[in-house]
């Protein structure tokens, strides 16, 4: 019986101590809820103040933000106009570029045609040179006529060139004294090949070579 009485008193003491703690906890919880609600209201007021401030900046045309916004808007409009102009078919730089491209295409076409013509012409020249080389009666190397009198010693040459008008390879034999001046020989060859007035005399040159070298030269040009 004494043991049960002591236990009952202990429990009573514990219950008496719990009552003020529970009340204090309730009070603290109520205060926390009030603070929480106050923070919500304060946050809401701050958001409203921020919105109002931003509205005041947009409505105030003299503010720095409004000036920056106007400048950015003008730049955006200008970029839009430029982009729209560049997409139009009558945009001048685009038209100029198209004209340049068309001109270059025409020049390339003409160059290809000239190259094809030159190759065909070179094939024809090579064939004519080979024919001359095969025909001993028409093709001769430089020869010297051995005469008893040295003053009457003559040299025989085979002249050949592409005619400046017809483009055909022409060749002619002519004789000249071995002591003749080069300028006189050139003048004789110039008139013999009938280059006047199609080709200026000042641009004429005499080249002493062998027919095999000329043929090889045209073959190399064909490969290029």
C-alpha atoms as a PDB file:
ATOM      1  CA  UNK A   1       0.000   0.000   0.000  1.00  0.00           C
ATOM      2  CA  UNK A   2       2.791   2.438   0.805  1.00  0.00           C
ATOM      3  CA  UNK A   3       4.430   1.683  -2.524  1.00  0.00           C
ATOM      4  CA  UNK A   4       1.265   2.436  -4.471  1.00  0.00           C
ATOM      5  CA  UNK A   5       0.795   5.722  -2.632  1.00  0.00           C
ATOM      6  CA  UNK A   6       4.316   6.921  -3.472  1.00  0.00           C
ATOM      7  CA  UNK A   7       3.827   6.086  -7.137  1.00  0.00           C
ATOM      8  CA  UNK A   8       0.544   7.961  -7.270  1.00  0.00           C
ATOM      9  CA  UNK A   9       2.099  11.077  -5.758  1.00  0.00           C
ATOM     10  CA  UNK A  10       4.957  11.017  -8.279  1.00  0.00           C
ATOM     11  CA  UNK A  11       2.575  10.866 -11.201  1.00  0.00           C
ATOM     12  CA  UNK A  12       0.585  13.764  -9.743  1.00  0.00           C
ATOM     13  CA  UNK A  13       3.728  15.876  -9.509  1.00  0.00           C
ATOM     14  CA  UNK A  14       4.609  15.117 -13.159  1.00  0.00           C
ATOM     15  CA  UNK A  15       1.160  16.129 -14.350  1.00  0.00           C
ATOM     16  CA  UNK A  16       1.379  19.395 -12.387  1.00  0.00           C
ATOM     17  CA  UNK A  17       4.755  20.178 -14.104  1.00  0.00           C
ATOM     18  CA  UNK A  18       3.400  19.375 -17.638  1.00  0.00           C
ATOM     19  CA  UNK A  19       0.547  21.858 -17.452  1.00  0.00           C
ATOM     20  CA  UNK A  20       2.663  25.105 -17.534  1.00  0.00           C
ATOM     21  CA  UNK A  21       4.891  23.677 -20.313  1.00  0.00           C
ATOM     22  CA  UNK A  22       1.873  22.908 -22.466  1.00  0.00           C
ATOM     23  CA  UNK A  23       0.485  26.383 -21.974  1.00  0.00           C
ATOM     24  CA  UNK A  24       3.850  27.932 -22.821  1.00  0.00           C
ATOM     25  CA  UNK A  25       4.079  25.807 -25.960  1.00  0.00           C
ATOM     26  CA  UNK A  26       0.634  26.941 -27.043  1.00  0.00           C
ATOM     27  CA  UNK A  27       1.609  30.572 -26.514  1.00  0.00           C
ATOM     28  CA  UNK A  28       4.825  30.172 -28.506  1.00  0.00           C
ATOM     29  CA  UNK A  29       2.996  28.402 -31.320  1.00  0.00           C
ATOM     30  CA  UNK A  30       0.472  31.226 -31.483  1.00  0.00           C
ATOM     31  CA  UNK A  31       3.242  33.821 -31.604  1.00  0.00           C
ATOM     32  CA  UNK A  32       5.031  31.899 -34.380  1.00  0.00           C
ATOM     33  CA  UNK A  33       1.841  31.781 -36.444  1.00  0.00           C
ATOM     34  CA  UNK A  34       1.375  35.526 -35.973  1.00  0.00           C
ATOM     35  CA  UNK A  35       4.977  36.187 -37.075  1.00  0.00           C
ATOM     36  CA  UNK A  36       4.504  33.901 -40.074  1.00  0.00           C
ATOM     37  CA  UNK A  37       1.358  35.716 -41.150  1.00  0.00           C
ATOM     38  CA  UNK A  38       3.130  39.036 -40.671  1.00  0.00           C
ATOM     39  CA  UNK A  39       5.974  37.891 -42.932  1.00  0.00           C
ATOM     40  CA  UNK A  40       3.474  36.885 -45.600  1.00  0.00           C
ATOM     41  CA  UNK A  41       1.808  40.269 -45.492  1.00  0.00           C
ATOM     42  CA  UNK A  42       5.186  42.015 -45.562  1.00  0.00           C
ATOM     43  CA  UNK A  43       6.318  39.936 -48.574  1.00  0.00           C
ATOM     44  CA  UNK A  44       3.063  40.741 -50.365  1.00  0.00           C
ATOM     45  CA  UNK A  45       3.485  44.454 -49.673  1.00  0.00           C
ATOM     46  CA  UNK A  46       7.090  44.366 -50.945  1.00  0.00           C
ATOM     47  CA  UNK A  47       5.970  42.687 -54.194  1.00  0.00           C
ATOM     48  CA  UNK A  48       3.274  45.297 -54.695  1.00  0.00           C
ATOM     49  CA  UNK A  49       5.785  48.075 -54.011  1.00  0.00           C
ATOM     50  CA  UNK A  50       8.177  46.573 -56.559  1.00  0.00           C
ATOM     51  CA  UNK A  51       5.467  46.415 -59.222  1.00  0.00           C
ATOM     52  CA  UNK A  52       4.456  49.982 -58.540  1.00  0.00           C
ATOM     53  CA  UNK A  53       8.065  51.117 -58.752  1.00  0.00           C
ATOM     54  CA  UNK A  54       8.548  49.430 -62.109  1.00  0.00           C
ATOM     55  CA  UNK A  55       5.338  50.985 -63.375  1.00  0.00           C
ATOM     56  CA  UNK A  56       6.529  54.380 -62.279  1.00  0.00           C
ATOM     57  CA  UNK A  57       9.783  53.894 -64.199  1.00  0.00           C
ATOM     58  CA  UNK A  58       7.948  53.034 -67.411  1.00  0.00           C
ATOM     59  CA  UNK A  59       5.576  55.954 -67.052  1.00  0.00           C
ATOM     60  CA  UNK A  60       8.340  58.429 -66.222  1.00  0.00           C
ATOM     61  CA  UNK A  61       9.828  59.356 -69.598  1.00  0.00           C
ATOM     62  CA  UNK A  62      12.677  61.253 -67.971  1.00  0.00           C
ATOM     63  CA  UNK A  63      13.995  58.287 -66.017  1.00  0.00           C
ATOM     64  CA  UNK A  64      17.223  56.569 -67.058  1.00  0.00           C
ATOM     65  CA  UNK A  65      15.446  53.236 -67.441  1.00  0.00           C
ATOM     66  CA  UNK A  66      12.899  54.768 -69.784  1.00  0.00           C
ATOM     67  CA  UNK A  67      15.646  56.328 -71.929  1.00  0.00           C
ATOM     68  CA  UNK A  68      17.522  53.026 -72.171  1.00  0.00           C
ATOM     69  CA  UNK A  69      14.295  51.248 -73.063  1.00  0.00           C
ATOM     70  CA  UNK A  70      13.524  53.762 -75.821  1.00  0.00           C
ATOM     71  CA  UNK A  71      17.030  53.470 -77.299  1.00  0.00           C
ATOM     72  CA  UNK A  72      16.840  49.685 -77.292  1.00  0.00           C
ATOM     73  CA  UNK A  73      13.437  49.820 -78.941  1.00  0.00           C
ATOM     74  CA  UNK A  74      14.789  52.087 -81.696  1.00  0.00           C
ATOM     75  CA  UNK A  75      17.748  49.785 -82.313  1.00  0.00           C
ATOM     76  CA  UNK A  76      15.445  46.765 -82.497  1.00  0.00           C
ATOM     77  CA  UNK A  77      13.185  48.530 -84.999  1.00  0.00           C
ATOM     78  CA  UNK A  78      16.201  49.516 -87.090  1.00  0.00           C
ATOM     79  CA  UNK A  79      17.477  45.928 -87.145  1.00  0.00           C
ATOM     80  CA  UNK A  80      14.035  44.695 -88.179  1.00  0.00           C
ATOM     81  CA  UNK A  81      13.965  47.180 -91.070  1.00  0.00           C
ATOM     82  CA  UNK A  82      17.432  46.091 -92.222  1.00  0.00           C
ATOM     83  CA  UNK A  83      16.482  42.422 -92.102  1.00  0.00           C
ATOM     84  CA  UNK A  84      13.281  43.047 -94.030  1.00  0.00           C
ATOM     85  CA  UNK A  85      15.192  45.054 -96.648  1.00  0.00           C
ATOM     86  CA  UNK A  86      17.794  42.297 -97.062  1.00  0.00           C
ATOM     87  CA  UNK A  87      15.102  39.722 -97.804  1.00  0.00           C
ATOM     88  CA  UNK A  88      13.567  41.770-100.618  1.00  0.00           C
ATOM     89  CA  UNK A  89      14.539  40.777-104.183  1.00  0.00           C
ATOM     90  CA  UNK A  90      15.343  44.410-105.061  1.00  0.00           C
ATOM     91  CA  UNK A  91      17.913  44.763-102.261  1.00  0.00           C
ATOM     92  CA  UNK A  92      20.752  46.582-104.031  1.00  0.00           C
ATOM     93  CA  UNK A  93      23.778  44.687-102.606  1.00  0.00           C
ATOM     94  CA  UNK A  94      22.027  41.420-103.425  1.00  0.00           C
ATOM     95  CA  UNK A  95      21.294  42.606-106.959  1.00  0.00           C
ATOM     96  CA  UNK A  96      24.918  43.698-107.406  1.00  0.00           C
ATOM     97  CA  UNK A  97      26.206  40.343-106.195  1.00  0.00           C
ATOM     98  CA  UNK A  98      23.905  38.501-108.593  1.00  0.00           C
ATOM     99  CA  UNK A  99      25.120  40.673-111.459  1.00  0.00           C
ATOM    100  CA  UNK A 100      28.760  40.009-110.552  1.00  0.00           C
ATOM    101  CA  UNK A 101      28.114  36.257-110.342  1.00  0.00           C
ATOM    102  CA  UNK A 102      26.407  36.242-113.746  1.00  0.00           C
ATOM    103  CA  UNK A 103      29.292  38.187-115.274  1.00  0.00           C
ATOM    104  CA  UNK A 104      31.847  35.786-113.801  1.00  0.00           C
ATOM    105  CA  UNK A 105      29.881  32.817-115.108  1.00  0.00           C
ATOM    106  CA  UNK A 106      29.892  34.343-118.596  1.00  0.00           C
ATOM    107  CA  UNK A 107      33.642  34.956-118.425  1.00  0.00           C
ATOM    108  CA  UNK A 108      34.251  31.391-117.259  1.00  0.00           C
ATOM    109  CA  UNK A 109      32.137  30.045-120.133  1.00  0.00           C
ATOM    110  CA  UNK A 110      34.031  32.157-122.667  1.00  0.00           C
ATOM    111  CA  UNK A 111      37.370  31.113-121.188  1.00  0.00           C
ATOM    112  CA  UNK A 112      36.395  27.437-121.447  1.00  0.00           C
ATOM    113  CA  UNK A 113      35.345  27.925-125.062  1.00  0.00           C
ATOM    114  CA  UNK A 114      38.632  29.660-125.881  1.00  0.00           C
ATOM    115  CA  UNK A 115      40.563  26.893-124.159  1.00  0.00           C
ATOM    116  CA  UNK A 116      38.738  24.218-126.158  1.00  0.00           C
ATOM    117  CA  UNK A 117      39.379  26.155-129.379  1.00  0.00           C
ATOM    118  CA  UNK A 118      43.065  26.567-128.504  1.00  0.00           C
ATOM    119  CA  UNK A 119      43.429  22.861-127.816  1.00  0.00           C
ATOM    120  CA  UNK A 120      41.817  21.953-131.124  1.00  0.00           C
ATOM    121  CA  UNK A 121      44.043  24.456-132.896  1.00  0.00           C
ATOM    122  CA  UNK A 122      47.134  23.042-131.209  1.00  0.00           C
ATOM    123  CA  UNK A 123      46.159  19.515-132.251  1.00  0.00           C
ATOM    124  CA  UNK A 124      45.887  20.726-135.810  1.00  0.00           C
ATOM    125  CA  UNK A 125      49.289  22.448-135.633  1.00  0.00           C
ATOM    126  CA  UNK A 126      50.914  19.326-134.190  1.00  0.00           C
ATOM    127  CA  UNK A 127      49.461  17.220-136.979  1.00  0.00           C
ATOM    128  CA  UNK A 128      50.711  19.662-139.617  1.00  0.00           C
ATOM    129  CA  UNK A 129      54.180  19.715-138.040  1.00  0.00           C
ATOM    130  CA  UNK A 130      54.291  15.926-138.006  1.00  0.00           C
ATOM    131  CA  UNK A 131      53.229  15.879-141.646  1.00  0.00           C
ATOM    132  CA  UNK A 132      56.010  18.321-142.508  1.00  0.00           C
ATOM    133  CA  UNK A 133      58.475  16.213-140.578  1.00  0.00           C
ATOM    134  CA  UNK A 134      57.469  13.058-142.423  1.00  0.00           C
ATOM    135  CA  UNK A 135      57.724  14.723-145.804  1.00  0.00           C
ATOM    136  CA  UNK A 136      61.412  15.135-146.598  1.00  0.00           C
ATOM    137  CA  UNK A 137      60.611  17.148-149.651  1.00  0.00           C
ATOM    138  CA  UNK A 138      58.824  19.881-147.666  1.00  0.00           C
ATOM    139  CA  UNK A 139      60.724  19.933-144.385  1.00  0.00           C
ATOM    140  CA  UNK A 140      64.423  20.763-144.432  1.00  0.00           C
ATOM    141  CA  UNK A 141      66.834  21.779-141.774  1.00  0.00           C
ATOM    142  CA  UNK A 142      69.109  24.755-142.190  1.00  0.00           C
ATOM    143  CA  UNK A 143      71.460  24.037-145.013  1.00  0.00           C
ATOM    144  CA  UNK A 144      74.456  25.867-146.355  1.00  0.00           C
ATOM    145  CA  UNK A 145      75.152  25.840-150.053  1.00  0.00           C
ATOM    146  CA  UNK A 146      78.835  25.166-150.605  1.00  0.00           C
ATOM    147  CA  UNK A 147      79.841  27.486-153.388  1.00  0.00           C
ATOM    148  CA  UNK A 148      83.263  28.117-154.731  1.00  0.00           C
ATOM    149  CA  UNK A 149      82.986  31.818-154.095  1.00  0.00           C
ATOM    150  CA  UNK A 150      82.536  32.595-150.367  1.00  0.00           C
ATOM    151  CA  UNK A 151      80.804  35.931-151.118  1.00  0.00           C
ATOM    152  CA  UNK A 152      78.098  34.088-153.048  1.00  0.00           C
ATOM    153  CA  UNK A 153      77.510  31.545-150.282  1.00  0.00           C
ATOM    154  CA  UNK A 154      73.774  31.398-149.517  1.00  0.00           C
ATOM    155  CA  UNK A 155      71.795  29.879-146.646  1.00  0.00           C
ATOM    156  CA  UNK A 156      68.426  28.181-147.095  1.00  0.00           C
ATOM    157  CA  UNK A 157      65.864  28.414-144.294  1.00  0.00           C
ATOM    158  CA  UNK A 158      62.380  27.070-143.687  1.00  0.00           C
ATOM    159  CA  UNK A 159      60.154  29.774-142.260  1.00  0.00           C
ATOM    160  CA  UNK A 160      56.984  28.805-140.421  1.00  0.00           C
ATOM    161  CA  UNK A 161      54.519  30.665-138.194  1.00  0.00           C
ATOM    162  CA  UNK A 162      50.848  30.874-137.298  1.00  0.00           C
ATOM    163  CA  UNK A 163      49.170  33.444-139.462  1.00  0.00           C
ATOM    164  CA  UNK A 164      47.698  36.233-137.254  1.00  0.00           C
ATOM    165  CA  UNK A 165      44.412  36.297-139.235  1.00  0.00           C
ATOM    166  CA  UNK A 166      43.679  32.693-140.237  1.00  0.00           C
ATOM    167  CA  UNK A 167      45.589  31.051-137.383  1.00  0.00           C
ATOM    168  CA  UNK A 168      46.897  28.411-139.784  1.00  0.00           C
ATOM    169  CA  UNK A 169      50.475  27.197-139.743  1.00  0.00           C
ATOM    170  CA  UNK A 170      52.242  28.458-142.852  1.00  0.00           C
ATOM    171  CA  UNK A 171      55.748  27.674-144.053  1.00  0.00           C
ATOM    172  CA  UNK A 172      57.966  28.978-146.828  1.00  0.00           C
ATOM    173  CA  UNK A 173      61.546  28.470-147.973  1.00  0.00           C
ATOM    174  CA  UNK A 174      63.797  31.416-148.552  1.00  0.00           C
ATOM    175  CA  UNK A 175      67.475  32.019-149.153  1.00  0.00           C
ATOM    176  CA  UNK A 176      69.659  34.678-147.663  1.00  0.00           C
ATOM    177  CA  UNK A 177      73.328  35.467-147.802  1.00  0.00           C
ATOM    178  CA  UNK A 178      75.212  34.341-144.732  1.00  0.00           C
ATOM    179  CA  UNK A 179      76.694  37.820-144.255  1.00  0.00           C
ATOM    180  CA  UNK A 180      73.331  39.591-144.533  1.00  0.00           C
ATOM    181  CA  UNK A 181      72.336  41.800-141.595  1.00  0.00           C
ATOM    182  CA  UNK A 182      69.805  40.280-139.224  1.00  0.00           C
ATOM    183  CA  UNK A 183      67.438  43.237-139.559  1.00  0.00           C
ATOM    184  CA  UNK A 184      67.444  42.849-143.340  1.00  0.00           C
ATOM    185  CA  UNK A 185      66.791  39.129-143.026  1.00  0.00           C
ATOM    186  CA  UNK A 186      63.912  39.823-140.639  1.00  0.00           C
ATOM    187  CA  UNK A 187      62.398  42.344-143.052  1.00  0.00           C
ATOM    188  CA  UNK A 188      62.615  39.849-145.902  1.00  0.00           C
ATOM    189  CA  UNK A 189      60.995  37.131-143.823  1.00  0.00           C
ATOM    190  CA  UNK A 190      58.295  39.570-142.633  1.00  0.00           C
ATOM    191  CA  UNK A 191      57.174  40.364-146.173  1.00  0.00           C
ATOM    192  CA  UNK A 192      57.617  36.806-147.396  1.00  0.00           C
ATOM    193  CA  UNK A 193      55.197  35.496-144.750  1.00  0.00           C
ATOM    194  CA  UNK A 194      52.712  38.267-145.664  1.00  0.00           C
ATOM    195  CA  UNK A 195      52.387  39.497-142.095  1.00  0.00           C
ATOM    196  CA  UNK A 196      51.951  43.111-143.103  1.00  0.00           C
ATOM    197  CA  UNK A 197      49.691  44.839-142.017  1.00  0.00           C
ATOM    198  CA  UNK A 198      48.217  42.204-139.705  1.00  0.00           C
ATOM    199  CA  UNK A 199      51.165  42.032-137.339  1.00  0.00           C
ATOM    200  CA  UNK A 200      53.604  44.868-136.473  1.00  0.00           C
ATOM    201  CA  UNK A 201      57.153  44.470-137.698  1.00  0.00           C
ATOM    202  CA  UNK A 202      58.569  45.614-134.338  1.00  0.00           C
ATOM    203  CA  UNK A 203      57.148  42.529-132.629  1.00  0.00           C
ATOM    204  CA  UNK A 204      58.579  40.024-135.099  1.00  0.00           C
ATOM    205  CA  UNK A 205      61.470  37.776-134.101  1.00  0.00           C
ATOM    206  CA  UNK A 206      63.456  35.070-135.873  1.00  0.00           C
ATOM    207  CA  UNK A 207      64.039  31.870-133.919  1.00  0.00           C
ATOM    208  CA  UNK A 208      66.517  29.295-135.203  1.00  0.00           C
ATOM    209  CA  UNK A 209      65.361  25.857-134.073  1.00  0.00           C
ATOM    210  CA  UNK A 210      64.661  22.322-135.183  1.00  0.00           C
ATOM    211  CA  UNK A 211      61.246  21.069-136.174  1.00  0.00           C
ATOM    212  CA  UNK A 212      61.356  18.302-133.546  1.00  0.00           C
ATOM    213  CA  UNK A 213      61.794  20.866-130.791  1.00  0.00           C
ATOM    214  CA  UNK A 214      58.773  22.829-132.024  1.00  0.00           C
ATOM    215  CA  UNK A 215      56.655  19.694-132.140  1.00  0.00           C
ATOM    216  CA  UNK A 216      57.675  18.753-128.596  1.00  0.00           C
ATOM    217  CA  UNK A 217      56.871  22.304-127.419  1.00  0.00           C
ATOM    218  CA  UNK A 218      53.292  22.080-128.714  1.00  0.00           C
ATOM    219  CA  UNK A 219      52.854  18.649-127.165  1.00  0.00           C
ATOM    220  CA  UNK A 220      53.875  20.023-123.779  1.00  0.00           C
ATOM    221  CA  UNK A 221      51.426  22.909-124.187  1.00  0.00           C
ATOM    222  CA  UNK A 222      48.655  20.437-124.941  1.00  0.00           C
ATOM    223  CA  UNK A 223      49.309  18.554-121.713  1.00  0.00           C
ATOM    224  CA  UNK A 224      49.027  21.793-119.694  1.00  0.00           C
END
